[in-house]
Amino acid sequence: MPLAVIALILFAVKYFSVIAHEGAHAIAGWSMGRKVASVKLNSDATGATLTLGAEKGLGRIFTAFAGYLGPSFFGLGAAALISMGYARAVLWLALFFLTLILFRVRNLFGVASVLVNGALFVLILSHGSPKLQVTVAYVLSWFLLLSGVGVVLTDGSDAGDAANLRRITHLPRSLWSVLWLVITVAALAAGARLLT
């Protein structure tokens, strides 16, 4: 495999979890009637999603809370599709969601990150063998499920989203990190059952 392709894959893997995180904020905000103004994906594997609407209330809470659940829920959804025999659909849906988020990304690095990930899915879908496509779908599902738990453990109550939720609800940061951990671990367990 050419070194350039390996470099692209490593780049894509590093930032895909961030894309899933910010995508979850965007989807949650949109589903609660908020306007998704912008998404930023940064080179230090952080991001920010700006949604416009009420500063407090259920919509704001749900939008802020959803980010850390994004990778796990996307991974669980992928696992469910794979278990039903729709592994190729996982890749098409990933490409579809990447296309949607591309229209809201507002920084150059973020655009590049989404385009690199999208290009890899296009290559796999157009030139990959059925076996490779199924393998990539499995790897993607496991990666998202594991990274969901991993990021929660890494960031914990220091997460920016936990600080935002503390300001909105006056509930402690630690409560939000515990909730994220419980839910992501449950998603990992459920996904593992579907994939094995």
N, C-alpha and C. Protein backbone atom coordinates (compact mmCIF):
# COMPACT_ATOMS: atom_id res chain seq x y z
N MET A 1 0.85 -1.20 0.00
CA MET A 1 0.00 0.00 0.00
C MET A 1 0.89 1.25 0.00
N PRO A 2 0.66 2.19 -0.92
CA PRO A 2 1.49 3.40 -0.98
C PRO A 2 1.46 4.18 0.32
N LEU A 3 2.58 4.83 0.63
CA LEU A 3 2.68 5.59 1.88
C LEU A 3 1.64 6.72 1.93
N ALA A 4 1.35 7.31 0.76
CA ALA A 4 0.37 8.41 0.73
C ALA A 4 -1.01 7.92 1.17
N VAL A 5 -1.38 6.71 0.77
CA VAL A 5 -2.67 6.15 1.15
C VAL A 5 -2.70 5.86 2.66
N ILE A 6 -1.60 5.32 3.17
CA ILE A 6 -1.51 5.04 4.62
C ILE A 6 -1.63 6.34 5.40
N ALA A 7 -0.96 7.40 4.91
CA ALA A 7 -1.02 8.70 5.59
C ALA A 7 -2.45 9.24 5.60
N LEU A 8 -3.16 9.08 4.49
CA LEU A 8 -4.55 9.54 4.40
C LEU A 8 -5.45 8.77 5.37
N ILE A 9 -5.23 7.46 5.46
CA ILE A 9 -6.03 6.63 6.38
C ILE A 9 -5.79 7.05 7.83
N LEU A 10 -4.53 7.25 8.20
CA LEU A 10 -4.21 7.66 9.57
C LEU A 10 -4.81 9.02 9.89
N PHE A 11 -4.75 9.93 8.92
CA PHE A 11 -5.35 11.25 9.09
C PHE A 11 -6.86 11.13 9.32
N ALA A 12 -7.50 10.31 8.47
CA ALA A 12 -8.95 10.14 8.57
C ALA A 12 -9.36 9.55 9.91
N VAL A 13 -8.63 8.54 10.36
CA VAL A 13 -8.96 7.88 11.63
C VAL A 13 -8.83 8.86 12.80
N LYS A 14 -7.79 9.68 12.77
CA LYS A 14 -7.55 10.61 13.88
C LYS A 14 -8.72 11.57 14.07
N TYR A 15 -9.33 12.00 12.97
CA TYR A 15 -10.34 13.05 13.06
C TYR A 15 -11.78 12.57 12.90
N PHE A 16 -11.98 11.29 12.58
CA PHE A 16 -13.35 10.82 12.34
C PHE A 16 -14.21 10.89 13.60
N SER A 17 -13.61 10.59 14.75
CA SER A 17 -14.36 10.64 16.00
C SER A 17 -14.81 12.07 16.32
N VAL A 18 -13.95 13.05 15.99
CA VAL A 18 -14.31 14.46 16.20
C VAL A 18 -15.47 14.84 15.30
N ILE A 19 -15.42 14.37 14.05
CA ILE A 19 -16.52 14.64 13.12
C ILE A 19 -17.82 14.05 13.66
N ALA A 20 -17.75 12.83 14.20
CA ALA A 20 -18.95 12.19 14.77
C ALA A 20 -19.47 12.97 15.96
N HIS A 21 -18.56 13.46 16.80
CA HIS A 21 -18.93 14.24 17.98
C HIS A 21 -19.66 15.51 17.57
N GLU A 22 -19.04 16.27 16.67
CA GLU A 22 -19.65 17.54 16.25
C GLU A 22 -20.91 17.29 15.42
N GLY A 23 -20.91 16.21 14.65
CA GLY A 23 -22.11 15.86 13.90
C GLY A 23 -23.29 15.56 14.81
N ALA A 24 -23.00 14.93 15.96
CA ALA A 24 -24.06 14.64 16.92
C ALA A 24 -24.64 15.93 17.51
N HIS A 25 -23.76 16.90 17.81
CA HIS A 25 -24.26 18.20 18.26
C HIS A 25 -25.19 18.81 17.21
N ALA A 26 -24.74 18.76 15.95
CA ALA A 26 -25.52 19.37 14.87
C ALA A 26 -26.87 18.69 14.69
N ILE A 27 -26.87 17.36 14.67
CA ILE A 27 -28.13 16.61 14.50
C ILE A 27 -29.06 16.85 15.68
N ALA A 28 -28.51 16.84 16.89
CA ALA A 28 -29.33 17.08 18.08
C ALA A 28 -29.94 18.48 18.05
N GLY A 29 -29.12 19.47 17.71
CA GLY A 29 -29.62 20.83 17.63
C GLY A 29 -30.71 20.98 16.60
N TRP A 30 -30.46 20.44 15.42
CA TRP A 30 -31.45 20.51 14.34
C TRP A 30 -32.75 19.82 14.73
N SER A 31 -32.64 18.65 15.37
CA SER A 31 -33.84 17.89 15.76
C SER A 31 -34.65 18.62 16.81
N MET A 32 -34.02 19.53 17.56
CA MET A 32 -34.72 20.30 18.59
C MET A 32 -35.15 21.67 18.08
N GLY A 33 -35.06 21.86 16.77
CA GLY A 33 -35.52 23.11 16.19
C GLY A 33 -34.52 24.25 16.23
N ARG A 34 -33.27 23.95 16.54
CA ARG A 34 -32.24 24.97 16.55
C ARG A 34 -31.60 25.08 15.17
N LYS A 35 -31.08 26.24 14.83
CA LYS A 35 -30.41 26.44 13.55
C LYS A 35 -28.93 26.10 13.71
N VAL A 36 -28.43 25.21 12.87
CA VAL A 36 -27.01 24.85 12.91
C VAL A 36 -26.25 25.89 12.08
N ALA A 37 -25.58 26.80 12.78
CA ALA A 37 -24.91 27.92 12.11
C ALA A 37 -23.55 27.53 11.56
N SER A 38 -22.78 26.76 12.33
CA SER A 38 -21.43 26.42 11.86
C SER A 38 -20.87 25.24 12.64
N VAL A 39 -19.92 24.56 11.99
CA VAL A 39 -19.16 23.49 12.62
C VAL A 39 -17.70 23.75 12.34
N LYS A 40 -16.86 23.64 13.35
CA LYS A 40 -15.42 23.77 13.17
C LYS A 40 -14.73 22.50 13.64
N LEU A 41 -13.78 22.02 12.85
CA LEU A 41 -12.97 20.85 13.18
C LEU A 41 -11.52 21.30 13.17
N ASN A 42 -10.84 21.16 14.30
CA ASN A 42 -9.51 21.71 14.45
C ASN A 42 -8.41 20.66 14.35
N SER A 43 -7.20 21.12 14.04
CA SER A 43 -6.08 20.20 13.85
C SER A 43 -5.65 19.52 15.14
N ASP A 44 -6.04 20.06 16.30
CA ASP A 44 -5.70 19.43 17.58
C ASP A 44 -6.76 18.42 18.02
N ALA A 45 -7.58 17.98 17.06
CA ALA A 45 -8.63 16.98 17.30
C ALA A 45 -9.70 17.48 18.27
N THR A 46 -9.99 18.77 18.20
CA THR A 46 -11.11 19.36 18.91
C THR A 46 -12.06 19.95 17.88
N GLY A 47 -13.20 20.39 18.34
CA GLY A 47 -14.14 20.99 17.42
C GLY A 47 -15.14 21.86 18.16
N ALA A 48 -16.00 22.51 17.40
CA ALA A 48 -17.04 23.34 17.99
C ALA A 48 -18.21 23.42 17.02
N THR A 49 -19.40 23.30 17.56
CA THR A 49 -20.62 23.42 16.76
C THR A 49 -21.47 24.53 17.36
N LEU A 50 -21.84 25.49 16.52
CA LEU A 50 -22.66 26.61 16.96
C LEU A 50 -24.08 26.42 16.46
N THR A 51 -25.01 26.31 17.41
CA THR A 51 -26.43 26.26 17.05
C THR A 51 -27.12 27.48 17.66
N LEU A 52 -28.07 28.00 16.92
CA LEU A 52 -28.76 29.21 17.35
C LEU A 52 -30.15 28.88 17.84
N GLY A 53 -30.51 29.46 18.97
CA GLY A 53 -31.81 29.22 19.58
C GLY A 53 -31.77 29.68 21.02
N ALA A 54 -32.73 29.23 21.80
CA ALA A 54 -32.80 29.62 23.21
C ALA A 54 -31.53 29.22 23.95
N GLU A 55 -31.08 30.12 24.83
CA GLU A 55 -29.85 29.85 25.58
C GLU A 55 -30.03 28.81 26.66
N LYS A 56 -31.27 28.59 27.08
CA LYS A 56 -31.55 27.57 28.09
C LYS A 56 -32.73 26.74 27.62
N GLY A 57 -33.05 25.69 28.37
CA GLY A 57 -34.16 24.84 28.00
C GLY A 57 -33.70 23.50 27.49
N LEU A 58 -34.65 22.62 27.24
CA LEU A 58 -34.36 21.24 26.86
C LEU A 58 -33.56 21.15 25.57
N GLY A 59 -33.90 21.99 24.59
CA GLY A 59 -33.19 21.94 23.32
C GLY A 59 -31.72 22.23 23.47
N ARG A 60 -31.38 23.22 24.27
CA ARG A 60 -29.98 23.58 24.50
C ARG A 60 -29.27 22.48 25.28
N ILE A 61 -29.94 21.91 26.27
CA ILE A 61 -29.34 20.84 27.07
C ILE A 61 -29.07 19.62 26.21
N PHE A 62 -30.07 19.20 25.43
CA PHE A 62 -29.93 18.02 24.59
C PHE A 62 -28.81 18.20 23.56
N THR A 63 -28.73 19.40 22.98
CA THR A 63 -27.69 19.68 21.99
C THR A 63 -26.30 19.58 22.61
N ALA A 64 -26.14 20.15 23.80
CA ALA A 64 -24.84 20.11 24.47
C ALA A 64 -24.49 18.70 24.93
N PHE A 65 -25.49 17.95 25.36
CA PHE A 65 -25.25 16.60 25.90
C PHE A 65 -24.91 15.59 24.81
N ALA A 66 -25.44 15.77 23.61
CA ALA A 66 -25.37 14.74 22.57
C ALA A 66 -23.98 14.49 22.01
N GLY A 67 -23.10 15.47 22.06
CA GLY A 67 -21.81 15.34 21.39
C GLY A 67 -21.02 14.11 21.80
N TYR A 68 -20.87 13.90 23.10
CA TYR A 68 -20.07 12.78 23.58
C TYR A 68 -20.74 11.42 23.35
N LEU A 69 -22.01 11.45 23.00
CA LEU A 69 -22.70 10.20 22.66
C LEU A 69 -22.62 9.89 21.17
N GLY A 70 -22.24 10.88 20.37
CA GLY A 70 -22.25 10.72 18.92
C GLY A 70 -21.48 9.52 18.40
N PRO A 71 -20.18 9.41 18.69
CA PRO A 71 -19.44 8.26 18.18
C PRO A 71 -20.06 6.92 18.58
N SER A 72 -20.48 6.81 19.84
CA SER A 72 -21.06 5.56 20.32
C SER A 72 -22.37 5.23 19.61
N PHE A 73 -23.23 6.22 19.45
CA PHE A 73 -24.52 5.96 18.82
C PHE A 73 -24.37 5.68 17.33
N PHE A 74 -23.45 6.38 16.65
CA PHE A 74 -23.19 6.08 15.25
C PHE A 74 -22.61 4.67 15.12
N GLY A 75 -21.71 4.31 16.05
CA GLY A 75 -21.14 2.97 16.03
C GLY A 75 -22.17 1.90 16.29
N LEU A 76 -23.10 2.17 17.22
CA LEU A 76 -24.16 1.22 17.52
C LEU A 76 -25.11 1.07 16.33
N GLY A 77 -25.42 2.17 15.68
CA GLY A 77 -26.24 2.11 14.48
C GLY A 77 -25.59 1.29 13.38
N ALA A 78 -24.28 1.49 13.22
CA ALA A 78 -23.54 0.71 12.23
C ALA A 78 -23.57 -0.77 12.58
N ALA A 79 -23.40 -1.08 13.86
CA ALA A 79 -23.43 -2.49 14.30
C ALA A 79 -24.79 -3.12 14.00
N ALA A 80 -25.87 -2.36 14.22
CA ALA A 80 -27.21 -2.87 13.95
C ALA A 80 -27.39 -3.17 12.47
N LEU A 81 -26.92 -2.28 11.62
CA LEU A 81 -27.02 -2.50 10.17
C LEU A 81 -26.20 -3.71 9.74
N ILE A 82 -25.00 -3.83 10.28
CA ILE A 82 -24.14 -4.97 9.94
C ILE A 82 -24.80 -6.27 10.36
N SER A 83 -25.39 -6.29 11.55
CA SER A 83 -26.02 -7.52 12.05
C SER A 83 -27.21 -7.93 11.19
N MET A 84 -27.81 -6.97 10.47
CA MET A 84 -28.94 -7.27 9.59
C MET A 84 -28.49 -7.55 8.15
N GLY A 85 -27.16 -7.54 7.93
CA GLY A 85 -26.64 -7.84 6.61
C GLY A 85 -26.49 -6.65 5.69
N TYR A 86 -26.48 -5.44 6.27
CA TYR A 86 -26.38 -4.22 5.45
C TYR A 86 -25.06 -3.49 5.70
N ALA A 87 -23.97 -4.21 5.63
CA ALA A 87 -22.67 -3.61 5.91
C ALA A 87 -22.35 -2.49 4.91
N ARG A 88 -22.68 -2.69 3.66
CA ARG A 88 -22.38 -1.67 2.65
C ARG A 88 -23.17 -0.38 2.92
N ALA A 89 -24.37 -0.52 3.47
CA ALA A 89 -25.17 0.66 3.81
C ALA A 89 -24.47 1.53 4.85
N VAL A 90 -23.67 0.92 5.71
CA VAL A 90 -22.92 1.67 6.72
C VAL A 90 -22.00 2.68 6.03
N LEU A 91 -21.33 2.22 4.97
CA LEU A 91 -20.40 3.10 4.26
C LEU A 91 -21.14 4.21 3.52
N TRP A 92 -22.27 3.87 2.91
CA TRP A 92 -23.06 4.88 2.21
C TRP A 92 -23.62 5.92 3.18
N LEU A 93 -24.08 5.48 4.34
CA LEU A 93 -24.59 6.42 5.33
C LEU A 93 -23.48 7.31 5.88
N ALA A 94 -22.31 6.74 6.10
CA ALA A 94 -21.17 7.55 6.55
C ALA A 94 -20.86 8.64 5.53
N LEU A 95 -20.86 8.27 4.26
CA LEU A 95 -20.60 9.23 3.19
C LEU A 95 -21.71 10.29 3.14
N PHE A 96 -22.95 9.86 3.34
CA PHE A 96 -24.08 10.80 3.33
C PHE A 96 -23.94 11.82 4.47
N PHE A 97 -23.64 11.35 5.68
CA PHE A 97 -23.50 12.27 6.81
C PHE A 97 -22.30 13.19 6.66
N LEU A 98 -21.22 12.69 6.07
CA LEU A 98 -20.07 13.54 5.80
C LEU A 98 -20.43 14.65 4.82
N THR A 99 -21.23 14.31 3.82
CA THR A 99 -21.67 15.31 2.85
C THR A 99 -22.53 16.38 3.53
N LEU A 100 -23.43 15.95 4.41
CA LEU A 100 -24.28 16.91 5.12
C LEU A 100 -23.47 17.87 5.98
N ILE A 101 -22.53 17.32 6.74
CA ILE A 101 -21.77 18.18 7.65
C ILE A 101 -20.83 19.11 6.90
N LEU A 102 -20.41 18.70 5.70
CA LEU A 102 -19.51 19.53 4.90
C LEU A 102 -20.12 20.91 4.64
N PHE A 103 -21.44 20.98 4.47
CA PHE A 103 -22.11 22.24 4.18
C PHE A 103 -22.20 23.17 5.39
N ARG A 104 -21.83 22.66 6.57
CA ARG A 104 -21.85 23.50 7.76
C ARG A 104 -20.45 23.76 8.33
N VAL A 105 -19.43 23.13 7.76
CA VAL A 105 -18.07 23.34 8.25
C VAL A 105 -17.58 24.70 7.78
N ARG A 106 -16.99 25.45 8.70
CA ARG A 106 -16.62 26.84 8.40
C ARG A 106 -15.12 27.13 8.52
N ASN A 107 -14.29 26.11 8.63
CA ASN A 107 -12.85 26.37 8.63
C ASN A 107 -12.16 25.43 7.65
N LEU A 108 -11.03 25.88 7.14
CA LEU A 108 -10.33 25.17 6.07
C LEU A 108 -9.89 23.78 6.50
N PHE A 109 -9.34 23.66 7.69
CA PHE A 109 -8.90 22.34 8.15
C PHE A 109 -10.09 21.39 8.26
N GLY A 110 -11.21 21.91 8.76
CA GLY A 110 -12.40 21.07 8.88
C GLY A 110 -12.89 20.57 7.53
N VAL A 111 -12.88 21.45 6.53
CA VAL A 111 -13.28 21.04 5.18
C VAL A 111 -12.35 19.94 4.68
N ALA A 112 -11.04 20.13 4.87
CA ALA A 112 -10.07 19.13 4.42
C ALA A 112 -10.28 17.80 5.12
N SER A 113 -10.56 17.84 6.42
CA SER A 113 -10.77 16.62 7.19
C SER A 113 -11.98 15.85 6.68
N VAL A 114 -13.08 16.56 6.44
CA VAL A 114 -14.29 15.91 5.93
C VAL A 114 -14.07 15.36 4.53
N LEU A 115 -13.39 16.12 3.69
CA LEU A 115 -13.14 15.69 2.31
C LEU A 115 -12.25 14.45 2.25
N VAL A 116 -11.22 14.40 3.10
CA VAL A 116 -10.34 13.23 3.12
C VAL A 116 -11.12 11.99 3.54
N ASN A 117 -11.91 12.13 4.58
CA ASN A 117 -12.74 10.99 5.02
C ASN A 117 -13.71 10.57 3.93
N GLY A 118 -14.36 11.55 3.32
CA GLY A 118 -15.30 11.25 2.25
C GLY A 118 -14.64 10.58 1.07
N ALA A 119 -13.45 11.05 0.70
CA ALA A 119 -12.73 10.45 -0.43
C ALA A 119 -12.39 8.99 -0.17
N LEU A 120 -12.03 8.67 1.07
CA LEU A 120 -11.72 7.27 1.40
C LEU A 120 -12.96 6.38 1.26
N PHE A 121 -14.11 6.88 1.71
CA PHE A 121 -15.34 6.10 1.56
C PHE A 121 -15.71 5.92 0.08
N VAL A 122 -15.52 6.97 -0.70
CA VAL A 122 -15.80 6.87 -2.15
C VAL A 122 -14.90 5.81 -2.78
N LEU A 123 -13.60 5.82 -2.43
CA LEU A 123 -12.66 4.84 -2.97
C LEU A 123 -13.06 3.42 -2.58
N ILE A 124 -13.42 3.24 -1.32
CA ILE A 124 -13.78 1.89 -0.85
C ILE A 124 -15.07 1.41 -1.53
N LEU A 125 -16.03 2.32 -1.67
CA LEU A 125 -17.30 1.94 -2.29
C LEU A 125 -17.18 1.69 -3.79
N SER A 126 -16.30 2.42 -4.43
CA SER A 126 -16.19 2.29 -5.89
C SER A 126 -15.17 1.25 -6.33
N HIS A 127 -14.14 1.03 -5.54
CA HIS A 127 -13.07 0.13 -5.95
C HIS A 127 -12.81 -1.04 -5.00
N GLY A 128 -13.38 -0.98 -3.82
CA GLY A 128 -13.13 -2.05 -2.84
C GLY A 128 -13.95 -3.29 -3.13
N SER A 129 -13.38 -4.43 -2.82
CA SER A 129 -14.12 -5.69 -2.97
C SER A 129 -15.22 -5.77 -1.93
N PRO A 130 -16.24 -6.61 -2.14
CA PRO A 130 -17.29 -6.77 -1.12
C PRO A 130 -16.71 -7.15 0.25
N LYS A 131 -15.69 -8.00 0.24
CA LYS A 131 -15.07 -8.40 1.51
C LYS A 131 -14.42 -7.21 2.21
N LEU A 132 -13.73 -6.37 1.43
CA LEU A 132 -13.10 -5.18 2.01
C LEU A 132 -14.15 -4.22 2.57
N GLN A 133 -15.24 -4.05 1.85
CA GLN A 133 -16.30 -3.15 2.31
C GLN A 133 -16.91 -3.62 3.62
N VAL A 134 -17.14 -4.90 3.73
CA VAL A 134 -17.68 -5.45 4.98
C VAL A 134 -16.67 -5.26 6.11
N THR A 135 -15.39 -5.52 5.82
CA THR A 135 -14.34 -5.35 6.83
C THR A 135 -14.26 -3.92 7.31
N VAL A 136 -14.31 -2.96 6.38
CA VAL A 136 -14.25 -1.55 6.75
C VAL A 136 -15.46 -1.16 7.60
N ALA A 137 -16.63 -1.67 7.25
CA ALA A 137 -17.83 -1.38 8.04
C ALA A 137 -17.67 -1.89 9.48
N TYR A 138 -17.15 -3.10 9.64
CA TYR A 138 -16.89 -3.65 10.97
C TYR A 138 -15.88 -2.79 11.74
N VAL A 139 -14.78 -2.46 11.07
CA VAL A 139 -13.73 -1.66 11.72
C VAL A 139 -14.29 -0.30 12.13
N LEU A 140 -15.07 0.31 11.25
CA LEU A 140 -15.66 1.62 11.55
C LEU A 140 -16.58 1.54 12.77
N SER A 141 -17.40 0.51 12.81
CA SER A 141 -18.32 0.35 13.95
C SER A 141 -17.56 0.17 15.25
N TRP A 142 -16.58 -0.73 15.26
CA TRP A 142 -15.78 -0.95 16.47
C TRP A 142 -15.02 0.32 16.87
N PHE A 143 -14.46 1.00 15.88
CA PHE A 143 -13.70 2.23 16.17
C PHE A 143 -14.58 3.26 16.87
N LEU A 144 -15.78 3.47 16.33
CA LEU A 144 -16.68 4.47 16.91
C LEU A 144 -17.14 4.06 18.31
N LEU A 145 -17.48 2.78 18.47
CA LEU A 145 -17.91 2.31 19.79
C LEU A 145 -16.81 2.47 20.84
N LEU A 146 -15.59 2.10 20.48
CA LEU A 146 -14.47 2.19 21.42
C LEU A 146 -14.04 3.63 21.67
N SER A 147 -14.02 4.43 20.60
CA SER A 147 -13.58 5.81 20.77
C SER A 147 -14.59 6.61 21.58
N GLY A 148 -15.87 6.23 21.49
CA GLY A 148 -16.88 6.91 22.30
C GLY A 148 -16.56 6.79 23.78
N VAL A 149 -16.23 5.58 24.21
CA VAL A 149 -15.85 5.37 25.62
C VAL A 149 -14.52 6.03 25.92
N GLY A 150 -13.57 5.87 25.01
CA GLY A 150 -12.22 6.39 25.24
C GLY A 150 -12.18 7.90 25.42
N VAL A 151 -12.92 8.62 24.60
CA VAL A 151 -12.91 10.09 24.70
C VAL A 151 -13.56 10.55 26.00
N VAL A 152 -14.62 9.88 26.41
CA VAL A 152 -15.27 10.23 27.68
C VAL A 152 -14.30 10.01 28.84
N LEU A 153 -13.58 8.88 28.82
CA LEU A 153 -12.61 8.61 29.88
C LEU A 153 -11.47 9.62 29.87
N THR A 154 -11.06 10.03 28.68
CA THR A 154 -9.94 10.98 28.56
C THR A 154 -10.34 12.37 29.03
N ASP A 155 -11.50 12.84 28.60
CA ASP A 155 -11.91 14.21 28.91
C ASP A 155 -12.59 14.33 30.27
N GLY A 156 -13.42 13.36 30.60
CA GLY A 156 -14.10 13.36 31.90
C GLY A 156 -14.85 14.65 32.18
N SER A 157 -14.79 15.09 33.42
CA SER A 157 -15.52 16.29 33.82
C SER A 157 -14.83 17.57 33.35
N ASP A 158 -13.64 17.44 32.75
CA ASP A 158 -12.94 18.61 32.19
C ASP A 158 -13.46 18.97 30.81
N ALA A 159 -14.35 18.18 30.26
CA ALA A 159 -14.87 18.42 28.92
C ALA A 159 -15.56 19.78 28.84
N GLY A 160 -15.36 20.46 27.72
CA GLY A 160 -16.02 21.73 27.52
C GLY A 160 -17.53 21.60 27.56
N ASP A 161 -18.05 20.50 27.02
CA ASP A 161 -19.50 20.28 27.04
C ASP A 161 -20.02 20.15 28.47
N ALA A 162 -19.22 19.54 29.35
CA ALA A 162 -19.62 19.42 30.76
C ALA A 162 -19.70 20.80 31.41
N ALA A 163 -18.76 21.67 31.03
CA ALA A 163 -18.79 23.04 31.56
C ALA A 163 -20.02 23.79 31.05
N ASN A 164 -20.33 23.61 29.77
CA ASN A 164 -21.53 24.25 29.21
C ASN A 164 -22.79 23.77 29.91
N LEU A 165 -22.87 22.47 30.13
CA LEU A 165 -24.04 21.90 30.80
C LEU A 165 -24.14 22.38 32.25
N ARG A 166 -23.00 22.54 32.88
CA ARG A 166 -22.99 23.09 34.25
C ARG A 166 -23.57 24.50 34.26
N ARG A 167 -23.18 25.31 33.29
CA ARG A 167 -23.71 26.68 33.22
C ARG A 167 -25.21 26.70 32.94
N ILE A 168 -25.67 25.80 32.09
CA ILE A 168 -27.09 25.79 31.70
C ILE A 168 -27.97 25.25 32.81
N THR A 169 -27.52 24.16 33.46
CA THR A 169 -28.39 23.43 34.40
C THR A 169 -28.02 23.62 35.86
N HIS A 170 -26.80 24.10 36.14
CA HIS A 170 -26.28 24.24 37.51
C HIS A 170 -26.02 22.88 38.16
N LEU A 171 -26.05 21.82 37.36
CA LEU A 171 -25.70 20.49 37.86
C LEU A 171 -24.20 20.27 37.66
N PRO A 172 -23.55 19.51 38.55
CA PRO A 172 -22.09 19.39 38.50
C PRO A 172 -21.58 18.73 37.22
N ARG A 173 -20.39 19.13 36.81
CA ARG A 173 -19.75 18.56 35.62
C ARG A 173 -19.62 17.05 35.73
N SER A 174 -19.28 16.58 36.92
CA SER A 174 -19.06 15.14 37.11
C SER A 174 -20.29 14.32 36.79
N LEU A 175 -21.47 14.87 37.04
CA LEU A 175 -22.71 14.16 36.73
C LEU A 175 -22.80 13.87 35.24
N TRP A 176 -22.47 14.86 34.42
CA TRP A 176 -22.57 14.69 32.98
C TRP A 176 -21.54 13.68 32.47
N SER A 177 -20.33 13.72 33.02
CA SER A 177 -19.31 12.77 32.57
C SER A 177 -19.68 11.34 32.96
N VAL A 178 -20.29 11.17 34.14
CA VAL A 178 -20.74 9.83 34.56
C VAL A 178 -21.85 9.33 33.64
N LEU A 179 -22.80 10.20 33.32
CA LEU A 179 -23.88 9.82 32.40
C LEU A 179 -23.32 9.41 31.04
N TRP A 180 -22.39 10.22 30.51
CA TRP A 180 -21.76 9.87 29.23
C TRP A 180 -21.08 8.51 29.30
N LEU A 181 -20.37 8.27 30.39
CA LEU A 181 -19.64 7.01 30.52
C LEU A 181 -20.61 5.83 30.59
N VAL A 182 -21.65 5.93 31.39
CA VAL A 182 -22.62 4.84 31.51
C VAL A 182 -23.25 4.54 30.15
N ILE A 183 -23.65 5.58 29.43
CA ILE A 183 -24.34 5.39 28.15
C ILE A 183 -23.39 4.84 27.08
N THR A 184 -22.16 5.36 27.02
CA THR A 184 -21.23 4.88 26.00
C THR A 184 -20.78 3.44 26.27
N VAL A 185 -20.61 3.09 27.54
CA VAL A 185 -20.26 1.70 27.87
C VAL A 185 -21.42 0.77 27.51
N ALA A 186 -22.64 1.21 27.78
CA ALA A 186 -23.82 0.40 27.42
C ALA A 186 -23.90 0.23 25.90
N ALA A 187 -23.61 1.30 25.16
CA ALA A 187 -23.62 1.21 23.70
C ALA A 187 -22.53 0.26 23.21
N LEU A 188 -21.36 0.30 23.83
CA LEU A 188 -20.28 -0.61 23.47
C LEU A 188 -20.68 -2.06 23.71
N ALA A 189 -21.30 -2.32 24.86
CA ALA A 189 -21.74 -3.69 25.17
C ALA A 189 -22.80 -4.17 24.19
N ALA A 190 -23.75 -3.30 23.87
CA ALA A 190 -24.80 -3.67 22.92
C ALA A 190 -24.22 -3.88 21.53
N GLY A 191 -23.30 -2.99 21.13
CA GLY A 191 -22.67 -3.14 19.81
C GLY A 191 -21.84 -4.40 19.70
N ALA A 192 -21.13 -4.72 20.78
CA ALA A 192 -20.32 -5.92 20.78
C ALA A 192 -21.17 -7.18 20.60
N ARG A 193 -22.34 -7.20 21.22
CA ARG A 193 -23.25 -8.34 21.05
C ARG A 193 -23.72 -8.46 19.60
N LEU A 194 -23.96 -7.34 18.97
CA LEU A 194 -24.42 -7.34 17.58
C LEU A 194 -23.32 -7.76 16.60
N LEU A 195 -22.09 -7.42 16.94
CA LEU A 195 -20.98 -7.66 16.01
C LEU A 195 -20.30 -9.01 16.20
N THR A 196 -20.62 -9.72 17.28
CA THR A 196 -19.95 -11.00 17.53
C THR A 196 -20.93 -12.16 17.49
